[in-house]
Each structure stands twice: as C-alpha cells, then as structure tokens.
Amino acid sequence: MVKGYSDVLFREATSTWDADSPVIQREPWEHIKDADIKKAVASFRGEIWQVPPMFSAIKVRICVEVLDNLNWISSLR
C-alpha cells in the first residue's frame, strides 16, 4: 500500500494517531529546529515496514473475518 502525508502538526496527539480524532495531548513545539525536522524526515525515506495502529481497518477486517468463521463453525453444531 502506498501512503503519503501532506501535512504534519507538531504538538498534538490523538487517540487514533490521525487527525480525525479528538486531541488527547498537547506539547510545546517552539524548541523544534529546522535541523531536527530534516533529520526526522530523512529517517522516513526508503522502504519502511510498519505495524498497523491499534485502530487500523486491517485489524478490524481480520477480527470480523475471525468472528464470521467462529459463527459459521458454531452453526455446524
């Protein structure tokens, strides 16, 4: 899957790690320098393997498939 980001908001965190959720934490950001940002951006270049976040659609789909299979097995009894 190809994914890209167009904006980054420093200082705020949400419970689902995306902008669609309410902010749960705010931190100061004024101490962040341009060099810090360039170093962080450089670490995201290339191929990166990620673990899906806790609220990932991938995990929800897998959970639904497991429940469907369990229901099907129960119906055989």
N, C-alpha and C. Protein backbone atom coordinates (compact mmCIF):
# COMPACT_ATOMS: atom_id res chain seq x y z
N MET A 1 0.84 -1.16 0.00
CA MET A 1 0.00 0.00 0.00
C MET A 1 0.89 1.24 0.00
N VAL A 2 0.59 2.18 -0.85
CA VAL A 2 1.33 3.43 -0.90
C VAL A 2 0.55 4.45 -0.09
N LYS A 3 1.25 5.11 0.82
CA LYS A 3 0.59 6.10 1.66
C LYS A 3 1.48 7.32 1.73
N GLY A 4 0.88 8.48 1.74
CA GLY A 4 1.65 9.71 1.84
C GLY A 4 0.99 10.68 2.80
N TYR A 5 1.76 11.62 3.24
CA TYR A 5 1.25 12.64 4.16
C TYR A 5 1.49 14.00 3.53
N SER A 6 0.52 14.88 3.62
CA SER A 6 0.68 16.21 3.07
C SER A 6 0.92 17.25 4.15
N ASP A 7 0.56 16.96 5.37
CA ASP A 7 0.72 17.91 6.47
C ASP A 7 1.17 17.17 7.73
N VAL A 8 1.88 17.90 8.56
CA VAL A 8 2.26 17.39 9.87
C VAL A 8 1.95 18.48 10.87
N LEU A 9 1.32 18.10 11.97
CA LEU A 9 1.02 19.06 13.03
C LEU A 9 1.81 18.67 14.26
N PHE A 10 2.79 19.48 14.59
CA PHE A 10 3.58 19.23 15.80
C PHE A 10 2.76 19.69 16.99
N ARG A 11 2.94 19.06 18.11
CA ARG A 11 2.42 19.42 19.42
C ARG A 11 1.16 18.70 19.84
N GLU A 12 0.42 18.06 18.94
CA GLU A 12 -0.84 17.43 19.33
C GLU A 12 -0.83 15.93 19.07
N ALA A 13 -1.45 15.18 19.97
CA ALA A 13 -1.59 13.73 19.80
C ALA A 13 -3.07 13.38 19.91
N THR A 14 -3.48 12.37 19.13
CA THR A 14 -4.86 11.88 19.19
C THR A 14 -4.84 10.41 19.58
N SER A 15 -5.98 9.90 20.01
CA SER A 15 -6.05 8.51 20.47
C SER A 15 -5.89 7.51 19.33
N THR A 16 -6.15 7.92 18.08
CA THR A 16 -6.03 7.00 16.94
C THR A 16 -4.87 7.36 16.02
N TRP A 17 -4.05 8.31 16.41
CA TRP A 17 -2.86 8.73 15.66
C TRP A 17 -3.20 9.39 14.34
N ASP A 18 -4.41 9.88 14.15
CA ASP A 18 -4.74 10.60 12.92
C ASP A 18 -5.54 11.86 13.27
N ALA A 19 -5.77 12.70 12.28
CA ALA A 19 -6.41 14.00 12.50
C ALA A 19 -7.92 13.91 12.69
N ASP A 20 -8.50 12.74 12.52
CA ASP A 20 -9.95 12.60 12.62
C ASP A 20 -10.44 12.39 14.05
N SER A 21 -9.54 12.29 14.99
CA SER A 21 -9.91 12.03 16.39
C SER A 21 -9.66 13.26 17.24
N PRO A 22 -10.31 13.33 18.39
CA PRO A 22 -10.07 14.47 19.29
C PRO A 22 -8.63 14.46 19.82
N VAL A 23 -8.12 15.64 20.06
CA VAL A 23 -6.77 15.79 20.62
C VAL A 23 -6.81 15.34 22.08
N ILE A 24 -5.86 14.48 22.46
CA ILE A 24 -5.79 14.00 23.84
C ILE A 24 -4.57 14.53 24.59
N GLN A 25 -3.62 15.13 23.86
CA GLN A 25 -2.41 15.65 24.50
C GLN A 25 -1.83 16.77 23.66
N ARG A 26 -1.35 17.82 24.33
CA ARG A 26 -0.67 18.92 23.65
C ARG A 26 0.69 19.13 24.31
N GLU A 27 1.68 19.40 23.50
CA GLU A 27 3.05 19.61 23.97
C GLU A 27 3.61 20.88 23.35
N PRO A 28 4.60 21.51 24.01
CA PRO A 28 5.24 22.67 23.38
C PRO A 28 6.02 22.22 22.14
N TRP A 29 6.14 23.09 21.16
CA TRP A 29 6.83 22.74 19.92
C TRP A 29 7.88 23.79 19.52
N GLU A 30 7.91 24.90 20.21
CA GLU A 30 8.79 26.01 19.81
C GLU A 30 10.27 25.65 19.83
N HIS A 31 10.65 24.63 20.58
CA HIS A 31 12.06 24.23 20.67
C HIS A 31 12.54 23.43 19.45
N ILE A 32 11.63 23.01 18.57
CA ILE A 32 11.99 22.20 17.41
C ILE A 32 12.66 23.07 16.35
N LYS A 33 13.84 22.67 15.92
CA LYS A 33 14.62 23.42 14.92
C LYS A 33 14.47 22.79 13.54
N ASP A 34 14.80 23.55 12.50
CA ASP A 34 14.75 23.04 11.12
C ASP A 34 15.60 21.78 10.97
N ALA A 35 16.77 21.76 11.60
CA ALA A 35 17.66 20.60 11.50
C ALA A 35 17.00 19.35 12.10
N ASP A 36 16.22 19.52 13.17
CA ASP A 36 15.50 18.39 13.77
C ASP A 36 14.48 17.82 12.79
N ILE A 37 13.78 18.70 12.09
CA ILE A 37 12.77 18.26 11.12
C ILE A 37 13.43 17.54 9.96
N LYS A 38 14.52 18.10 9.44
CA LYS A 38 15.23 17.47 8.32
C LYS A 38 15.74 16.08 8.69
N LYS A 39 16.24 15.94 9.91
CA LYS A 39 16.73 14.64 10.38
C LYS A 39 15.58 13.64 10.48
N ALA A 40 14.45 14.08 11.01
CA ALA A 40 13.29 13.19 11.14
C ALA A 40 12.76 12.78 9.78
N VAL A 41 12.66 13.73 8.85
CA VAL A 41 12.16 13.43 7.50
C VAL A 41 13.08 12.44 6.80
N ALA A 42 14.38 12.60 6.96
CA ALA A 42 15.35 11.69 6.32
C ALA A 42 15.15 10.25 6.79
N SER A 43 14.71 10.07 8.03
CA SER A 43 14.52 8.71 8.55
C SER A 43 13.32 8.01 7.92
N PHE A 44 12.46 8.75 7.22
CA PHE A 44 11.28 8.16 6.58
C PHE A 44 11.49 7.86 5.10
N ARG A 45 12.67 8.10 4.58
CA ARG A 45 12.95 7.81 3.17
C ARG A 45 13.24 6.34 2.99
N GLY A 46 12.79 5.80 1.86
CA GLY A 46 13.04 4.40 1.58
C GLY A 46 11.87 3.52 2.02
N GLU A 47 12.12 2.23 2.00
CA GLU A 47 11.08 1.26 2.36
C GLU A 47 11.00 1.13 3.87
N ILE A 48 9.79 1.22 4.40
CA ILE A 48 9.58 1.16 5.84
C ILE A 48 8.51 0.12 6.13
N TRP A 49 8.77 -0.78 7.04
CA TRP A 49 7.78 -1.77 7.47
C TRP A 49 7.12 -1.25 8.73
N GLN A 50 5.80 -1.21 8.73
CA GLN A 50 5.06 -0.67 9.86
C GLN A 50 4.12 -1.71 10.45
N VAL A 51 3.87 -1.59 11.74
CA VAL A 51 2.81 -2.34 12.40
C VAL A 51 1.57 -1.46 12.35
N PRO A 52 0.43 -1.99 11.90
CA PRO A 52 -0.77 -1.16 11.84
C PRO A 52 -1.14 -0.61 13.22
N PRO A 53 -1.64 0.61 13.29
CA PRO A 53 -2.06 1.17 14.57
C PRO A 53 -3.19 0.35 15.19
N MET A 54 -3.42 0.58 16.48
CA MET A 54 -4.43 -0.16 17.22
C MET A 54 -5.81 -0.09 16.55
N PHE A 55 -6.15 1.04 15.94
CA PHE A 55 -7.47 1.23 15.36
C PHE A 55 -7.45 1.07 13.84
N SER A 56 -6.58 0.23 13.34
CA SER A 56 -6.41 0.04 11.90
C SER A 56 -7.58 -0.72 11.29
N ALA A 57 -7.97 -0.33 10.09
CA ALA A 57 -9.02 -1.05 9.35
C ALA A 57 -8.58 -2.48 9.05
N ILE A 58 -7.28 -2.69 8.90
CA ILE A 58 -6.77 -4.05 8.65
C ILE A 58 -7.11 -4.95 9.82
N LYS A 59 -6.86 -4.48 11.04
CA LYS A 59 -7.13 -5.29 12.22
C LYS A 59 -8.63 -5.51 12.40
N VAL A 60 -9.44 -4.52 12.11
CA VAL A 60 -10.89 -4.66 12.21
C VAL A 60 -11.38 -5.72 11.23
N ARG A 61 -10.89 -5.67 10.00
CA ARG A 61 -11.29 -6.65 8.98
C ARG A 61 -10.92 -8.07 9.42
N ILE A 62 -9.72 -8.24 9.94
CA ILE A 62 -9.29 -9.57 10.39
C ILE A 62 -10.18 -10.05 11.53
N CYS A 63 -10.50 -9.18 12.47
CA CYS A 63 -11.36 -9.54 13.60
C CYS A 63 -12.74 -9.97 13.10
N VAL A 64 -13.30 -9.23 12.16
CA VAL A 64 -14.62 -9.57 11.61
C VAL A 64 -14.57 -10.92 10.92
N GLU A 65 -13.51 -11.19 10.16
CA GLU A 65 -13.39 -12.48 9.48
C GLU A 65 -13.29 -13.63 10.48
N VAL A 66 -12.56 -13.42 11.56
CA VAL A 66 -12.44 -14.46 12.60
C VAL A 66 -13.80 -14.71 13.23
N LEU A 67 -14.52 -13.64 13.57
CA LEU A 67 -15.85 -13.81 14.17
C LEU A 67 -16.81 -14.51 13.22
N ASP A 68 -16.75 -14.15 11.94
CA ASP A 68 -17.60 -14.82 10.95
C ASP A 68 -17.29 -16.31 10.89
N ASN A 69 -16.02 -16.65 10.91
CA ASN A 69 -15.62 -18.07 10.88
C ASN A 69 -16.09 -18.81 12.13
N LEU A 70 -15.98 -18.16 13.28
CA LEU A 70 -16.44 -18.79 14.52
C LEU A 70 -17.95 -19.00 14.50
N ASN A 71 -18.68 -18.02 13.98
CA ASN A 71 -20.14 -18.16 13.87
C ASN A 71 -20.49 -19.30 12.92
N TRP A 72 -19.76 -19.43 11.84
CA TRP A 72 -20.01 -20.50 10.86
C TRP A 72 -19.76 -21.86 11.50
N ILE A 73 -18.65 -21.96 12.25
CA ILE A 73 -18.33 -23.22 12.93
C ILE A 73 -19.41 -23.56 13.95
N SER A 74 -19.89 -22.57 14.70
CA SER A 74 -20.94 -22.80 15.69
C SER A 74 -22.23 -23.27 15.03
N SER A 75 -22.50 -22.77 13.84
CA SER A 75 -23.74 -23.15 13.15
C SER A 75 -23.71 -24.60 12.69
N LEU A 76 -22.54 -25.20 12.61
CA LEU A 76 -22.42 -26.60 12.18
C LEU A 76 -22.80 -27.57 13.29
N ARG A 77 -22.81 -27.09 14.50
CA ARG A 77 -23.07 -27.98 15.66
C ARG A 77 -24.53 -28.24 15.82
